[in-house]
């Protein structure tokens, strides 16, 4: 469950360096945040973004496939 400080960050529209992702976060922002927070679970990320765990897996794995193929 997110902390009260994290909940306050949900209301911001865009992310800065270490800002918590929110419902308006792009897939790239979500992947970046996930990559920088190694102890973050998909369940926690789901609670932050409002996306399902299945959709987060697709976003993260698609990013990994693109990186492996050398695509941006």
PDB file of N, CA and C in Angstrom:
ATOM      1  N   UNK A   1       0.851  -1.170   0.000  1.00  0.00           N
ATOM      2  CA  UNK A   1       0.000   0.000   0.000  1.00  0.00           C
ATOM      3  C   UNK A   1       0.898   1.235   0.000  1.00  0.00           C
ATOM      4  N   UNK A   2       0.600   2.229  -0.877  1.00  0.00           N
ATOM      5  CA  UNK A   2       1.443   3.410  -0.947  1.00  0.00           C
ATOM      6  C   UNK A   2       1.363   4.249   0.326  1.00  0.00           C
ATOM      7  N   UNK A   3       2.441   4.928   0.619  1.00  0.00           N
ATOM      8  CA  UNK A   3       2.479   5.833   1.763  1.00  0.00           C
ATOM      9  C   UNK A   3       1.736   7.118   1.427  1.00  0.00           C
ATOM     10  N   UNK A   4       1.369   7.874   2.455  1.00  0.00           N
ATOM     11  CA  UNK A   4       0.649   9.137   2.262  1.00  0.00           C
ATOM     12  C   UNK A   4       1.440  10.087   1.360  1.00  0.00           C
ATOM     13  N   UNK A   5       2.765  10.100   1.515  1.00  0.00           N
ATOM     14  CA  UNK A   5       3.596  10.976   0.678  1.00  0.00           C
ATOM     15  C   UNK A   5       3.508  10.558  -0.777  1.00  0.00           C
ATOM     16  N   UNK A   6       3.434   9.251  -1.043  1.00  0.00           N
ATOM     17  CA  UNK A   6       3.315   8.760  -2.406  1.00  0.00           C
ATOM     18  C   UNK A   6       1.974   9.155  -3.011  1.00  0.00           C
ATOM     19  N   UNK A   7       0.925   9.107  -2.211  1.00  0.00           N
ATOM     20  CA  UNK A   7      -0.411   9.450  -2.691  1.00  0.00           C
ATOM     21  C   UNK A   7      -0.447  10.898  -3.167  1.00  0.00           C
ATOM     22  N   UNK A   8       0.236  11.780  -2.460  1.00  0.00           N
ATOM     23  CA  UNK A   8       0.268  13.184  -2.858  1.00  0.00           C
ATOM     24  C   UNK A   8       0.924  13.357  -4.218  1.00  0.00           C
ATOM     25  N   UNK A   9       1.872  12.514  -4.538  1.00  0.00           N
ATOM     26  CA  UNK A   9       2.558  12.599  -5.824  1.00  0.00           C
ATOM     27  C   UNK A   9       1.683  12.148  -6.979  1.00  0.00           C
ATOM     28  N   UNK A  10       0.656  11.346  -6.710  1.00  0.00           N
ATOM     29  CA  UNK A  10      -0.231  10.861  -7.769  1.00  0.00           C
ATOM     30  C   UNK A  10      -0.898  12.006  -8.512  1.00  0.00           C
ATOM     31  N   UNK A  11      -1.105  13.115  -7.834  1.00  0.00           N
ATOM     32  CA  UNK A  11      -1.859  14.217  -8.413  1.00  0.00           C
ATOM     33  C   UNK A  11      -1.052  15.057  -9.386  1.00  0.00           C
ATOM     34  N   UNK A  12       0.238  14.888  -9.426  1.00  0.00           N
ATOM     35  CA  UNK A  12       1.070  15.654 -10.350  1.00  0.00           C
ATOM     36  C   UNK A  12       0.912  15.093 -11.754  1.00  0.00           C
ATOM     37  N   UNK A  13       1.030  15.958 -12.750  1.00  0.00           N
ATOM     38  CA  UNK A  13       0.768  15.549 -14.124  1.00  0.00           C
ATOM     39  C   UNK A  13       1.962  14.919 -14.810  1.00  0.00           C
ATOM     40  N   UNK A  14       3.160  15.372 -14.517  1.00  0.00           N
ATOM     41  CA  UNK A  14       4.343  14.827 -15.166  1.00  0.00           C
ATOM     42  C   UNK A  14       5.351  14.408 -14.113  1.00  0.00           C
ATOM     43  N   UNK A  15       6.280  13.557 -14.529  1.00  0.00           N
ATOM     44  CA  UNK A  15       7.265  13.028 -13.584  1.00  0.00           C
ATOM     45  C   UNK A  15       8.568  13.805 -13.678  1.00  0.00           C
ATOM     46  N   UNK A  16       9.221  13.958 -12.523  1.00  0.00           N
ATOM     47  CA  UNK A  16      10.570  14.486 -12.479  1.00  0.00           C
ATOM     48  C   UNK A  16      11.484  13.320 -12.163  1.00  0.00           C
ATOM     49  N   UNK A  17      12.717  13.607 -11.793  1.00  0.00           N
ATOM     50  CA  UNK A  17      13.709  12.559 -11.577  1.00  0.00           C
ATOM     51  C   UNK A  17      13.227  11.372 -10.754  1.00  0.00           C
ATOM     52  N   UNK A  18      12.733  11.616  -9.573  1.00  0.00           N
ATOM     53  CA  UNK A  18      12.378  10.507  -8.686  1.00  0.00           C
ATOM     54  C   UNK A  18      10.919  10.584  -8.248  1.00  0.00           C
ATOM     55  N   UNK A  19      10.080  11.088  -9.106  1.00  0.00           N
ATOM     56  CA  UNK A  19       8.667  11.217  -8.785  1.00  0.00           C
ATOM     57  C   UNK A  19       7.951   9.897  -9.021  1.00  0.00           C
ATOM     58  N   UNK A  20       6.949   9.638  -8.229  1.00  0.00           N
ATOM     59  CA  UNK A  20       6.166   8.424  -8.348  1.00  0.00           C
ATOM     60  C   UNK A  20       5.303   8.472  -9.603  1.00  0.00           C
ATOM     61  N   UNK A  21       5.230   7.376 -10.363  1.00  0.00           N
ATOM     62  CA  UNK A  21       4.372   7.364 -11.543  1.00  0.00           C
ATOM     63  C   UNK A  21       2.908   7.495 -11.148  1.00  0.00           C
ATOM     64  N   UNK A  22       2.104   8.007 -12.072  1.00  0.00           N
ATOM     65  CA  UNK A  22       0.684   8.171 -11.801  1.00  0.00           C
ATOM     66  C   UNK A  22      -0.135   7.679 -12.987  1.00  0.00           C
ATOM     67  N   UNK A  23      -1.418   7.946 -12.965  1.00  0.00           N
ATOM     68  CA  UNK A  23      -2.306   7.470 -14.016  1.00  0.00           C
ATOM     69  C   UNK A  23      -1.989   8.077 -15.377  1.00  0.00           C
ATOM     70  N   UNK A  24      -1.350   9.233 -15.397  1.00  0.00           N
ATOM     71  CA  UNK A  24      -1.031   9.904 -16.652  1.00  0.00           C
ATOM     72  C   UNK A  24       0.373   9.574 -17.166  1.00  0.00           C
ATOM     73  N   UNK A  25       1.087   8.717 -16.472  1.00  0.00           N
ATOM     74  CA  UNK A  25       2.453   8.387 -16.867  1.00  0.00           C
ATOM     75  C   UNK A  25       2.473   7.617 -18.185  1.00  0.00           C
ATOM     76  N   UNK A  26       3.466   7.940 -19.000  1.00  0.00           N
ATOM     77  CA  UNK A  26       3.642   7.228 -20.264  1.00  0.00           C
ATOM     78  C   UNK A  26       4.329   5.890 -19.995  1.00  0.00           C
ATOM     79  N   UNK A  27       4.238   4.961 -20.930  1.00  0.00           N
ATOM     80  CA  UNK A  27       4.962   3.691 -20.758  1.00  0.00           C
ATOM     81  C   UNK A  27       6.456   3.898 -20.532  1.00  0.00           C
ATOM     82  N   UNK A  28       7.053   4.848 -21.224  1.00  0.00           N
ATOM     83  CA  UNK A  28       8.489   5.098 -21.047  1.00  0.00           C
ATOM     84  C   UNK A  28       8.798   5.570 -19.633  1.00  0.00           C
ATOM     85  N   UNK A  29       7.947   6.415 -19.064  1.00  0.00           N
ATOM     86  CA  UNK A  29       8.147   6.886 -17.694  1.00  0.00           C
ATOM     87  C   UNK A  29       7.998   5.740 -16.700  1.00  0.00           C
ATOM     88  N   UNK A  30       7.050   4.867 -16.950  1.00  0.00           N
ATOM     89  CA  UNK A  30       6.830   3.716 -16.072  1.00  0.00           C
ATOM     90  C   UNK A  30       8.040   2.797 -16.092  1.00  0.00           C
ATOM     91  N   UNK A  31       8.551   2.504 -17.284  1.00  0.00           N
ATOM     92  CA  UNK A  31       9.728   1.625 -17.415  1.00  0.00           C
ATOM     93  C   UNK A  31      10.934   2.254 -16.734  1.00  0.00           C
ATOM     94  N   UNK A  32      11.130   3.540 -16.938  1.00  0.00           N
ATOM     95  CA  UNK A  32      12.256   4.241 -16.323  1.00  0.00           C
ATOM     96  C   UNK A  32      12.176   4.158 -14.804  1.00  0.00           C
ATOM     97  N   UNK A  33      10.997   4.420 -14.247  1.00  0.00           N
ATOM     98  CA  UNK A  33      10.819   4.359 -12.795  1.00  0.00           C
ATOM     99  C   UNK A  33      11.070   2.941 -12.282  1.00  0.00           C
ATOM    100  N   UNK A  34      10.523   1.955 -12.985  1.00  0.00           N
ATOM    101  CA  UNK A  34      10.691   0.551 -12.589  1.00  0.00           C
ATOM    102  C   UNK A  34      12.170   0.146 -12.625  1.00  0.00           C
ATOM    103  N   UNK A  35      12.881   0.596 -13.640  1.00  0.00           N
ATOM    104  CA  UNK A  35      14.306   0.274 -13.763  1.00  0.00           C
ATOM    105  C   UNK A  35      15.149   0.907 -12.665  1.00  0.00           C
ATOM    106  N   UNK A  36      14.723   2.062 -12.150  1.00  0.00           N
ATOM    107  CA  UNK A  36      15.487   2.769 -11.111  1.00  0.00           C
ATOM    108  C   UNK A  36      15.122   2.340  -9.694  1.00  0.00           C
ATOM    109  N   UNK A  37      14.051   1.588  -9.523  1.00  0.00           N
ATOM    110  CA  UNK A  37      13.610   1.152  -8.195  1.00  0.00           C
ATOM    111  C   UNK A  37      13.562  -0.367  -8.157  1.00  0.00           C
ATOM    112  N   UNK A  38      14.707  -0.949  -7.844  1.00  0.00           N
ATOM    113  CA  UNK A  38      14.892  -2.397  -7.963  1.00  0.00           C
ATOM    114  C   UNK A  38      14.032  -3.216  -7.009  1.00  0.00           C
ATOM    115  N   UNK A  39      13.605  -2.652  -5.907  1.00  0.00           N
ATOM    116  CA  UNK A  39      12.790  -3.401  -4.946  1.00  0.00           C
ATOM    117  C   UNK A  39      11.288  -3.195  -5.150  1.00  0.00           C
ATOM    118  N   UNK A  40      10.912  -2.463  -6.181  1.00  0.00           N
ATOM    119  CA  UNK A  40       9.509  -2.179  -6.465  1.00  0.00           C
ATOM    120  C   UNK A  40       8.841  -3.415  -7.077  1.00  0.00           C
ATOM    121  N   UNK A  41       7.703  -3.791  -6.525  1.00  0.00           N
ATOM    122  CA  UNK A  41       6.969  -4.933  -7.091  1.00  0.00           C
ATOM    123  C   UNK A  41       5.973  -4.433  -8.132  1.00  0.00           C
ATOM    124  N   UNK A  42       5.548  -5.338  -8.998  1.00  0.00           N
ATOM    125  CA  UNK A  42       4.534  -4.969  -9.983  1.00  0.00           C
ATOM    126  C   UNK A  42       3.218  -4.614  -9.309  1.00  0.00           C
ATOM    127  N   UNK A  43       2.954  -5.227  -8.194  1.00  0.00           N
ATOM    128  CA  UNK A  43       1.735  -4.898  -7.450  1.00  0.00           C
ATOM    129  C   UNK A  43       1.767  -3.447  -6.963  1.00  0.00           C
ATOM    130  N   UNK A  44       2.915  -3.023  -6.445  1.00  0.00           N
ATOM    131  CA  UNK A  44       3.058  -1.636  -5.999  1.00  0.00           C
ATOM    132  C   UNK A  44       2.959  -0.674  -7.186  1.00  0.00           C
ATOM    133  N   UNK A  45       3.606  -1.033  -8.277  1.00  0.00           N
ATOM    134  CA  UNK A  45       3.563  -0.197  -9.471  1.00  0.00           C
ATOM    135  C   UNK A  45       2.140  -0.111 -10.023  1.00  0.00           C
ATOM    136  N   UNK A  46       1.412  -1.202  -9.945  1.00  0.00           N
ATOM    137  CA  UNK A  46       0.022  -1.227 -10.372  1.00  0.00           C
ATOM    138  C   UNK A  46      -0.825  -0.270  -9.529  1.00  0.00           C
ATOM    139  N   UNK A  47      -0.592  -0.272  -8.229  1.00  0.00           N
ATOM    140  CA  UNK A  47      -1.329   0.627  -7.338  1.00  0.00           C
ATOM    141  C   UNK A  47      -1.003   2.086  -7.645  1.00  0.00           C
ATOM    142  N   UNK A  48       0.231   2.362  -8.024  1.00  0.00           N
ATOM    143  CA  UNK A  48       0.639   3.730  -8.323  1.00  0.00           C
ATOM    144  C   UNK A  48       0.053   4.236  -9.637  1.00  0.00           C
ATOM    145  N   UNK A  49       0.025   3.357 -10.637  1.00  0.00           N
ATOM    146  CA  UNK A  49      -0.344   3.785 -11.990  1.00  0.00           C
ATOM    147  C   UNK A  49      -1.796   3.507 -12.353  1.00  0.00           C
ATOM    148  N   UNK A  50      -2.444   2.622 -11.622  1.00  0.00           N
ATOM    149  CA  UNK A  50      -3.810   2.252 -11.973  1.00  0.00           C
ATOM    150  C   UNK A  50      -3.875   1.270 -13.127  1.00  0.00           C
ATOM    151  N   UNK A  51      -2.740   0.767 -13.565  1.00  0.00           N
ATOM    152  CA  UNK A  51      -2.690  -0.225 -14.650  1.00  0.00           C
ATOM    153  C   UNK A  51      -2.655  -1.616 -14.042  1.00  0.00           C
ATOM    154  N   UNK A  52      -3.135  -2.588 -14.800  1.00  0.00           N
ATOM    155  CA  UNK A  52      -3.107  -3.958 -14.313  1.00  0.00           C
ATOM    156  C   UNK A  52      -1.675  -4.488 -14.347  1.00  0.00           C
ATOM    157  N   UNK A  53      -1.435  -5.511 -13.561  1.00  0.00           N
ATOM    158  CA  UNK A  53      -0.109  -6.142 -13.560  1.00  0.00           C
ATOM    159  C   UNK A  53       0.193  -6.708 -14.943  1.00  0.00           C
ATOM    160  N   UNK A  54      -0.816  -7.280 -15.597  1.00  0.00           N
ATOM    161  CA  UNK A  54      -0.621  -7.834 -16.944  1.00  0.00           C
ATOM    162  C   UNK A  54      -0.193  -6.744 -17.931  1.00  0.00           C
ATOM    163  N   UNK A  55      -0.824  -5.566 -17.855  1.00  0.00           N
ATOM    164  CA  UNK A  55      -0.443  -4.500 -18.788  1.00  0.00           C
ATOM    165  C   UNK A  55       0.950  -3.962 -18.467  1.00  0.00           C
ATOM    166  N   UNK A  56       1.304  -3.916 -17.188  1.00  0.00           N
ATOM    167  CA  UNK A  56       2.655  -3.486 -16.813  1.00  0.00           C
ATOM    168  C   UNK A  56       3.699  -4.468 -17.313  1.00  0.00           C
ATOM    169  N   UNK A  57       3.408  -5.763 -17.227  1.00  0.00           N
ATOM    170  CA  UNK A  57       4.340  -6.769 -17.752  1.00  0.00           C
ATOM    171  C   UNK A  57       4.569  -6.563 -19.240  1.00  0.00           C
ATOM    172  N   UNK A  58       3.486  -6.292 -19.981  1.00  0.00           N
ATOM    173  CA  UNK A  58       3.617  -6.065 -21.426  1.00  0.00           C
ATOM    174  C   UNK A  58       4.481  -4.845 -21.706  1.00  0.00           C
ATOM    175  N   UNK A  59       4.251  -3.768 -20.961  1.00  0.00           N
ATOM    176  CA  UNK A  59       5.025  -2.540 -21.149  1.00  0.00           C
ATOM    177  C   UNK A  59       6.501  -2.796 -20.874  1.00  0.00           C
ATOM    178  N   UNK A  60       6.794  -3.442 -19.758  1.00  0.00           N
ATOM    179  CA  UNK A  60       8.189  -3.676 -19.352  1.00  0.00           C
ATOM    180  C   UNK A  60       8.878  -4.670 -20.281  1.00  0.00           C
ATOM    181  N   UNK A  61       8.188  -5.743 -20.609  1.00  0.00           N
ATOM    182  CA  UNK A  61       8.801  -6.744 -21.491  1.00  0.00           C
ATOM    183  C   UNK A  61       8.971  -6.222 -22.908  1.00  0.00           C
ATOM    184  N   UNK A  62       8.038  -5.415 -23.391  1.00  0.00           N
ATOM    185  CA  UNK A  62       8.179  -4.821 -24.723  1.00  0.00           C
ATOM    186  C   UNK A  62       9.400  -3.916 -24.768  1.00  0.00           C
ATOM    187  N   UNK A  63       9.631  -3.182 -23.693  1.00  0.00           N
ATOM    188  CA  UNK A  63      10.805  -2.329 -23.619  1.00  0.00           C
ATOM    189  C   UNK A  63      12.078  -3.172 -23.677  1.00  0.00           C
ATOM    190  N   UNK A  64      12.080  -4.306 -22.990  1.00  0.00           N
ATOM    191  CA  UNK A  64      13.239  -5.195 -22.998  1.00  0.00           C
ATOM    192  C   UNK A  64      13.483  -5.758 -24.398  1.00  0.00           C
ATOM    193  N   UNK A  65      12.428  -6.132 -25.096  1.00  0.00           N
ATOM    194  CA  UNK A  65      12.553  -6.650 -26.460  1.00  0.00           C
ATOM    195  C   UNK A  65      13.112  -5.573 -27.377  1.00  0.00           C
ATOM    196  N   UNK A  66      12.577  -4.354 -27.261  1.00  0.00           N
ATOM    197  CA  UNK A  66      13.075  -3.252 -28.089  1.00  0.00           C
ATOM    198  C   UNK A  66      14.539  -2.974 -27.826  1.00  0.00           C
ATOM    199  N   UNK A  67      14.951  -3.009 -26.564  1.00  0.00           N
ATOM    200  CA  UNK A  67      16.357  -2.778 -26.233  1.00  0.00           C
ATOM    201  C   UNK A  67      17.239  -3.885 -26.775  1.00  0.00           C
ATOM    202  N   UNK A  68      16.780  -5.112 -26.723  1.00  0.00           N
ATOM    203  CA  UNK A  68      17.547  -6.244 -27.227  1.00  0.00           C
ATOM    204  C   UNK A  68      17.728  -6.158 -28.738  1.00  0.00           C
ATOM    205  N   UNK A  69      16.736  -5.614 -29.412  1.00  0.00           N
ATOM    206  CA  UNK A  69      16.799  -5.484 -30.887  1.00  0.00           C
ATOM    207  C   UNK A  69      17.477  -4.203 -31.317  1.00  0.00           C
ATOM    208  N   UNK A  70      17.789  -3.336 -30.377  1.00  0.00           N
ATOM    209  CA  UNK A  70      18.434  -2.073 -30.710  1.00  0.00           C
ATOM    210  C   UNK A  70      17.466  -1.009 -31.170  1.00  0.00           C
ATOM    211  N   UNK A  71      16.172  -1.222 -30.920  1.00  0.00           N
ATOM    212  CA  UNK A  71      15.156  -0.222 -31.273  1.00  0.00           C
ATOM    213  C   UNK A  71      14.982   0.749 -30.120  1.00  0.00           C
ATOM    214  N   UNK A  72      14.693   2.000 -30.424  1.00  0.00           N
ATOM    215  CA  UNK A  72      14.473   2.976 -29.333  1.00  0.00           C
ATOM    216  C   UNK A  72      13.163   2.733 -28.614  1.00  0.00           C
TER     217      UNK A  72
END
